[in-house]
């Protein structure tokens, strides 16, 4: 299963952006979202921004992730 995480673009240099992602900052390749601008929210998967999303959708995603059970090392796999 794959998971893309919402991130807010803070700066752009050529095809790379610095994004704020769940309290951290990292770089994401923006080649797949040429319409993205500083301040936009994007979904980031494997280092690539794959789509631009609305801020309300990013908020809802973080709320849902916060409701998930934390991983349990004792839980059988």
N, C-alpha and C. Protein backbone atom coordinates (compact mmCIF):
# COMPACT_ATOMS: atom_id res chain seq x y z
N UNK A 1 0.84 -1.17 0.00
CA UNK A 1 0.00 0.00 0.00
C UNK A 1 0.89 1.24 0.00
N UNK A 2 0.47 2.23 -0.74
CA UNK A 2 1.22 3.49 -0.84
C UNK A 2 0.46 4.59 -0.11
N UNK A 3 1.20 5.56 0.38
CA UNK A 3 0.59 6.67 1.10
C UNK A 3 1.24 7.96 0.63
N UNK A 4 0.42 8.92 0.25
CA UNK A 4 0.91 10.26 -0.09
C UNK A 4 0.51 11.18 1.05
N UNK A 5 1.40 12.07 1.44
CA UNK A 5 1.20 12.94 2.58
C UNK A 5 1.06 14.39 2.11
N UNK A 6 0.08 15.14 2.64
CA UNK A 6 -0.03 16.55 2.28
C UNK A 6 1.17 17.35 2.77
N UNK A 7 1.62 18.27 1.93
CA UNK A 7 2.74 19.14 2.28
C UNK A 7 2.49 20.51 1.66
N UNK A 8 2.93 21.56 2.34
CA UNK A 8 2.76 22.93 1.84
C UNK A 8 4.07 23.41 1.24
N UNK A 9 4.00 23.93 0.03
CA UNK A 9 5.21 24.41 -0.66
C UNK A 9 5.65 25.73 -0.04
N UNK A 10 6.92 25.77 0.41
CA UNK A 10 7.47 26.98 1.02
C UNK A 10 8.37 27.75 0.06
N UNK A 11 9.04 27.03 -0.83
CA UNK A 11 9.88 27.71 -1.82
C UNK A 11 10.06 26.78 -3.02
N UNK A 12 10.37 27.40 -4.15
CA UNK A 12 10.57 26.63 -5.38
C UNK A 12 11.86 27.10 -6.04
N UNK A 13 12.67 26.13 -6.46
CA UNK A 13 13.88 26.41 -7.23
C UNK A 13 13.93 25.40 -8.37
N UNK A 14 13.72 25.89 -9.58
CA UNK A 14 13.64 25.05 -10.77
C UNK A 14 12.53 24.01 -10.58
N UNK A 15 12.84 22.73 -10.64
CA UNK A 15 11.79 21.72 -10.52
C UNK A 15 11.69 21.13 -9.11
N UNK A 16 12.36 21.77 -8.16
CA UNK A 16 12.34 21.28 -6.78
C UNK A 16 11.68 22.30 -5.86
N UNK A 17 10.99 21.79 -4.85
CA UNK A 17 10.40 22.67 -3.86
C UNK A 17 10.78 22.23 -2.47
N UNK A 18 10.87 23.19 -1.56
CA UNK A 18 10.99 22.88 -0.15
C UNK A 18 9.57 22.87 0.38
N UNK A 19 9.21 21.76 1.04
CA UNK A 19 7.83 21.61 1.52
C UNK A 19 7.82 21.34 3.01
N UNK A 20 6.78 21.85 3.67
CA UNK A 20 6.55 21.56 5.09
C UNK A 20 5.63 20.35 5.13
N UNK A 21 6.11 19.30 5.78
CA UNK A 21 5.43 18.01 5.77
C UNK A 21 5.33 17.48 7.19
N UNK A 22 4.16 17.57 7.77
CA UNK A 22 3.91 17.05 9.12
C UNK A 22 4.94 17.54 10.14
N UNK A 23 5.23 18.82 10.10
CA UNK A 23 6.16 19.39 11.07
C UNK A 23 7.62 19.35 10.66
N UNK A 24 7.93 18.74 9.54
CA UNK A 24 9.30 18.68 9.03
C UNK A 24 9.39 19.43 7.71
N UNK A 25 10.61 19.70 7.30
CA UNK A 25 10.83 20.28 5.98
C UNK A 25 11.68 19.31 5.17
N UNK A 26 11.31 19.20 3.90
CA UNK A 26 12.07 18.33 3.00
C UNK A 26 11.94 18.87 1.59
N UNK A 27 12.67 18.25 0.68
CA UNK A 27 12.57 18.63 -0.73
C UNK A 27 11.64 17.67 -1.45
N UNK A 28 10.92 18.20 -2.41
CA UNK A 28 10.05 17.37 -3.24
C UNK A 28 10.21 17.81 -4.69
N UNK A 29 10.22 16.84 -5.58
CA UNK A 29 10.28 17.15 -7.00
C UNK A 29 8.90 17.60 -7.44
N UNK A 30 8.84 18.73 -8.16
CA UNK A 30 7.57 19.32 -8.58
C UNK A 30 7.29 19.14 -10.07
N UNK A 31 8.06 18.30 -10.76
CA UNK A 31 7.89 18.15 -12.20
C UNK A 31 6.48 17.68 -12.60
N UNK A 32 5.82 16.91 -11.74
CA UNK A 32 4.49 16.39 -12.07
C UNK A 32 3.38 17.40 -11.82
N UNK A 33 3.69 18.52 -11.17
CA UNK A 33 2.69 19.55 -10.87
C UNK A 33 3.23 20.94 -11.28
N UNK A 34 3.40 21.16 -12.58
CA UNK A 34 3.98 22.43 -13.03
C UNK A 34 3.14 23.65 -12.65
N UNK A 35 1.86 23.44 -12.32
CA UNK A 35 0.99 24.55 -11.93
C UNK A 35 1.17 24.95 -10.47
N UNK A 36 1.90 24.18 -9.69
CA UNK A 36 2.06 24.43 -8.25
C UNK A 36 2.86 25.71 -8.01
N UNK A 37 2.44 26.44 -6.99
CA UNK A 37 3.08 27.69 -6.59
C UNK A 37 3.37 27.68 -5.09
N UNK A 38 4.25 28.58 -4.65
CA UNK A 38 4.54 28.73 -3.23
C UNK A 38 3.21 28.99 -2.51
N UNK A 39 3.00 28.28 -1.40
CA UNK A 39 1.78 28.40 -0.63
C UNK A 39 0.75 27.34 -0.95
N UNK A 40 0.90 26.65 -2.09
CA UNK A 40 -0.02 25.57 -2.45
C UNK A 40 0.24 24.33 -1.61
N UNK A 41 -0.79 23.52 -1.44
CA UNK A 41 -0.69 22.21 -0.81
C UNK A 41 -0.60 21.16 -1.90
N UNK A 42 0.29 20.20 -1.71
CA UNK A 42 0.45 19.10 -2.66
C UNK A 42 0.48 17.78 -1.90
N UNK A 43 0.16 16.70 -2.60
CA UNK A 43 0.36 15.37 -2.02
C UNK A 43 1.73 14.89 -2.46
N UNK A 44 2.55 14.46 -1.49
CA UNK A 44 3.92 14.01 -1.77
C UNK A 44 4.01 12.51 -1.53
N UNK A 45 4.51 11.82 -2.55
CA UNK A 45 4.73 10.38 -2.47
C UNK A 45 6.11 10.07 -3.04
N UNK A 46 6.93 9.41 -2.26
CA UNK A 46 8.28 8.98 -2.68
C UNK A 46 9.10 10.14 -3.23
N UNK A 47 8.96 11.32 -2.60
CA UNK A 47 9.77 12.47 -2.99
C UNK A 47 9.22 13.28 -4.14
N UNK A 48 8.05 12.90 -4.66
CA UNK A 48 7.44 13.62 -5.77
C UNK A 48 6.09 14.19 -5.35
N UNK A 49 5.85 15.46 -5.67
CA UNK A 49 4.52 16.03 -5.52
C UNK A 49 3.70 15.49 -6.68
N UNK A 50 2.57 14.83 -6.37
CA UNK A 50 1.82 14.16 -7.43
C UNK A 50 0.53 14.88 -7.81
N UNK A 51 0.04 15.77 -6.96
CA UNK A 51 -1.14 16.57 -7.30
C UNK A 51 -1.26 17.75 -6.34
N UNK A 52 -1.89 18.81 -6.80
CA UNK A 52 -2.18 19.96 -5.96
C UNK A 52 -3.54 19.71 -5.31
N UNK A 53 -3.65 20.02 -4.00
CA UNK A 53 -4.91 19.82 -3.28
C UNK A 53 -5.30 21.11 -2.56
N UNK A 54 -6.53 21.14 -2.11
CA UNK A 54 -7.03 22.28 -1.33
C UNK A 54 -6.55 22.17 0.12
N UNK A 55 -6.40 23.30 0.79
CA UNK A 55 -5.95 23.32 2.19
C UNK A 55 -6.91 22.54 3.08
N UNK A 56 -8.21 22.62 2.83
CA UNK A 56 -9.18 21.89 3.66
C UNK A 56 -9.00 20.38 3.52
N UNK A 57 -8.62 19.91 2.35
CA UNK A 57 -8.36 18.49 2.16
C UNK A 57 -7.10 18.04 2.90
N UNK A 58 -6.09 18.90 2.92
CA UNK A 58 -4.87 18.59 3.67
C UNK A 58 -5.19 18.49 5.16
N UNK A 59 -5.98 19.44 5.67
CA UNK A 59 -6.38 19.41 7.09
C UNK A 59 -7.15 18.14 7.43
N UNK A 60 -8.10 17.78 6.58
CA UNK A 60 -8.89 16.57 6.83
C UNK A 60 -8.00 15.33 6.83
N UNK A 61 -7.04 15.28 5.94
CA UNK A 61 -6.14 14.13 5.88
C UNK A 61 -5.34 14.01 7.17
N UNK A 62 -4.79 15.14 7.66
CA UNK A 62 -4.03 15.10 8.91
C UNK A 62 -4.92 14.71 10.09
N UNK A 63 -6.18 15.15 10.09
CA UNK A 63 -7.11 14.76 11.16
C UNK A 63 -7.36 13.26 11.13
N UNK A 64 -7.55 12.70 9.95
CA UNK A 64 -7.77 11.25 9.83
C UNK A 64 -6.54 10.46 10.25
N UNK A 65 -5.36 10.92 9.85
CA UNK A 65 -4.13 10.22 10.24
C UNK A 65 -3.96 10.24 11.76
N UNK A 66 -4.35 11.34 12.41
CA UNK A 66 -4.21 11.44 13.87
C UNK A 66 -5.13 10.46 14.58
N UNK A 67 -6.23 10.07 13.94
CA UNK A 67 -7.18 9.15 14.55
C UNK A 67 -6.77 7.69 14.43
N UNK A 68 -5.81 7.40 13.57
CA UNK A 68 -5.40 6.02 13.37
C UNK A 68 -4.66 5.49 14.59
N UNK A 69 -4.77 4.20 14.82
CA UNK A 69 -4.04 3.58 15.93
C UNK A 69 -2.55 3.67 15.67
N UNK A 70 -1.76 3.98 16.70
CA UNK A 70 -0.31 3.96 16.51
C UNK A 70 0.18 2.53 16.30
N UNK A 71 1.29 2.36 15.61
CA UNK A 71 1.83 1.01 15.42
C UNK A 71 2.11 0.35 16.77
N UNK A 72 1.88 -0.94 16.86
CA UNK A 72 2.10 -1.68 18.10
C UNK A 72 3.09 -2.79 17.83
N UNK A 73 4.25 -2.73 18.45
CA UNK A 73 5.29 -3.73 18.20
C UNK A 73 4.85 -5.12 18.61
N UNK A 74 3.89 -5.23 19.53
CA UNK A 74 3.42 -6.53 20.00
C UNK A 74 2.36 -7.16 19.09
N UNK A 75 1.80 -6.36 18.19
CA UNK A 75 0.72 -6.85 17.34
C UNK A 75 1.28 -7.85 16.31
N UNK A 76 0.65 -9.03 16.17
CA UNK A 76 1.13 -10.00 15.18
C UNK A 76 0.99 -9.46 13.77
N UNK A 77 1.89 -9.90 12.91
CA UNK A 77 1.86 -9.44 11.52
C UNK A 77 1.23 -10.44 10.61
